[in-house]
């Protein structure tokens, strides 16, 4: 017995990994905010249902790489994939994003990604049509940085 294809079921299935990744982002942000507010790691762990060493790991990540606590284009794409925002809201936010663009460090040996890289590496979170639209809209921002 075969089951007929259902776009609703497909969307529900695709939402699961997006929701999982969003939960990690939100947990990291919540831990960082709690640490900044002066709560101790044991209190934070109890409040979010994880171990104190997990809170320590998250707090360290937020301290060493503060950008991980900032909203980025990938989070917008995840919210769309998870069904938390609609297509129009996703495209509006991404079309107006103040993108940064990847570059190499002064030695030329290490690539430092920008926020546009999150769109480029979005995989199946964004359709080819939406990517092309954003690519065209950001042409002036990219201004020869990378094509």
Protein backbone atom coordinates (compact mmCIF):
# COMPACT_ATOMS: atom_id res chain seq x y z
CA UNK A 1 0.00 0.00 0.00
CA UNK A 2 1.47 3.35 -1.00
CA UNK A 3 0.71 6.67 0.61
CA UNK A 4 -0.14 9.60 -1.65
CA UNK A 5 2.21 12.59 -1.56
CA UNK A 6 0.94 15.41 0.61
CA UNK A 7 2.49 18.90 0.60
CA UNK A 8 1.24 19.37 4.18
CA UNK A 9 3.04 16.25 5.38
CA UNK A 10 6.17 17.25 3.46
CA UNK A 11 6.12 20.71 5.09
CA UNK A 12 5.63 19.17 8.56
CA UNK A 13 8.57 16.82 8.02
CA UNK A 14 10.81 19.61 6.74
CA UNK A 15 9.88 21.75 9.77
CA UNK A 16 11.36 19.29 12.27
CA UNK A 17 15.08 19.94 11.60
CA UNK A 18 14.39 23.68 11.31
CA UNK A 19 12.63 23.71 14.68
CA UNK A 20 15.51 21.72 16.21
CA UNK A 21 18.08 24.23 14.98
CA UNK A 22 15.92 27.17 16.06
CA UNK A 23 15.64 25.66 19.55
CA UNK A 24 19.44 25.54 19.77
CA UNK A 25 19.69 29.20 18.78
CA UNK A 26 17.04 30.22 21.30
CA UNK A 27 18.69 28.16 24.06
CA UNK A 28 22.06 29.77 23.39
CA UNK A 29 20.50 33.24 23.44
CA UNK A 30 18.57 32.51 26.65
CA UNK A 31 21.66 31.17 28.41
CA UNK A 32 23.68 34.18 27.33
CA UNK A 33 21.01 36.60 28.56
CA UNK A 34 20.71 34.76 31.88
CA UNK A 35 24.49 34.78 32.40
CA UNK A 36 24.60 38.49 31.55
CA UNK A 37 21.81 39.07 34.09
CA UNK A 38 23.92 37.39 36.79
CA UNK A 39 22.12 34.06 37.24
CA UNK A 40 24.36 31.18 38.19
CA UNK A 41 24.79 28.21 35.88
CA UNK A 42 22.97 25.78 38.17
CA UNK A 43 19.88 28.02 38.22
CA UNK A 44 19.98 28.40 34.45
CA UNK A 45 20.37 24.64 33.95
CA UNK A 46 17.36 23.91 36.14
CA UNK A 47 15.25 26.52 34.37
CA UNK A 48 15.88 25.15 30.87
CA UNK A 49 16.19 21.45 31.69
CA UNK A 50 19.84 20.82 30.86
CA UNK A 51 22.94 20.04 32.88
CA UNK A 52 25.23 22.69 34.35
CA UNK A 53 28.11 21.58 32.07
CA UNK A 54 25.82 22.18 29.06
CA UNK A 55 25.10 25.69 30.34
CA UNK A 56 28.83 26.23 30.79
CA UNK A 57 29.48 25.12 27.20
CA UNK A 58 26.77 27.43 25.83
CA UNK A 59 27.94 30.38 27.92
CA UNK A 60 31.49 29.85 26.69
CA UNK A 61 30.36 29.72 23.06
CA UNK A 62 28.42 32.96 23.50
CA UNK A 63 31.39 34.63 25.20
CA UNK A 64 33.98 33.54 22.62
CA UNK A 65 31.84 34.14 19.53
CA UNK A 66 29.22 36.78 20.42
CA UNK A 67 27.88 36.78 16.83
CA UNK A 68 26.22 33.40 17.52
CA UNK A 69 23.68 35.22 19.69
CA UNK A 70 22.75 37.70 16.95
CA UNK A 71 19.87 37.19 14.55
CA UNK A 72 21.06 36.26 11.09
CA UNK A 73 19.61 35.37 7.70
CA UNK A 74 19.78 31.66 8.52
CA UNK A 75 17.44 32.19 11.48
CA UNK A 76 14.96 33.92 9.18
CA UNK A 77 15.15 30.97 6.77
CA UNK A 78 14.70 28.51 9.63
CA UNK A 79 11.67 30.39 10.91
CA UNK A 80 10.12 30.15 7.45
CA UNK A 81 10.93 26.44 7.13
CA UNK A 82 9.46 25.83 10.58
CA UNK A 83 6.25 27.65 9.66
CA UNK A 84 6.77 30.46 12.17
CA UNK A 85 6.74 33.20 9.50
CA UNK A 86 5.23 33.34 6.04
CA UNK A 87 6.98 33.53 2.69
CA UNK A 88 6.35 37.27 2.29
CA UNK A 89 7.79 38.07 5.73
CA UNK A 90 10.85 35.94 5.01
CA UNK A 91 11.51 37.59 1.66
CA UNK A 92 10.89 41.11 3.01
CA UNK A 93 13.34 40.65 5.86
CA UNK A 94 16.00 39.01 3.68
CA UNK A 95 15.57 41.56 0.87
CA UNK A 96 16.26 44.37 3.34
CA UNK A 97 19.02 42.66 5.34
CA UNK A 98 22.22 44.72 5.83
CA UNK A 99 24.42 41.91 4.50
CA UNK A 100 28.10 41.54 5.08
CA UNK A 101 30.18 39.61 2.59
CA UNK A 102 32.90 37.04 3.07
CA UNK A 103 36.55 37.89 2.71
CA UNK A 104 39.89 36.38 3.51
CA UNK A 105 41.90 37.43 6.53
CA UNK A 106 44.96 39.66 5.99
CA UNK A 107 47.17 36.62 5.36
CA UNK A 108 44.80 35.38 2.68
CA UNK A 109 44.73 31.94 4.29
CA UNK A 110 41.42 31.99 6.20
CA UNK A 111 37.99 32.76 4.78
CA UNK A 112 35.86 34.91 7.08
CA UNK A 113 32.19 34.45 6.16
CA UNK A 114 29.68 37.27 6.06
CA UNK A 115 25.93 37.12 6.56
CA UNK A 116 25.36 36.63 2.80
CA UNK A 117 27.11 33.27 3.18
CA UNK A 118 24.16 32.12 5.31
CA UNK A 119 21.90 32.62 2.30
CA UNK A 120 24.36 31.00 -0.09
CA UNK A 121 24.67 27.95 2.15
CA UNK A 122 20.97 27.64 2.99
CA UNK A 123 20.51 24.47 0.94
CA UNK A 124 16.90 23.43 0.82
CA UNK A 125 15.78 26.20 3.18
CA UNK A 126 15.40 28.54 0.20
CA UNK A 127 14.12 27.88 -3.30
CA UNK A 128 16.26 28.58 -6.33
CA UNK A 129 13.75 31.23 -7.38
CA UNK A 130 13.92 33.03 -4.01
CA UNK A 131 17.72 32.81 -4.00
CA UNK A 132 17.92 34.35 -7.48
CA UNK A 133 15.57 37.15 -6.42
CA UNK A 134 17.71 37.94 -3.37
CA UNK A 135 20.89 37.64 -5.41
CA UNK A 136 19.54 40.24 -7.84
CA UNK A 137 18.32 42.52 -5.03
CA UNK A 138 21.70 42.45 -3.30
CA UNK A 139 23.76 43.05 -6.45
CA UNK A 140 24.46 46.67 -5.50
CA UNK A 141 25.50 45.66 -1.96
CA UNK A 142 27.84 43.03 -3.32
CA UNK A 143 29.27 45.58 -5.76
CA UNK A 144 31.88 43.26 -7.15
CA UNK A 145 32.84 41.78 -3.78
CA UNK A 146 31.85 38.31 -5.00
CA UNK A 147 29.54 37.15 -7.69
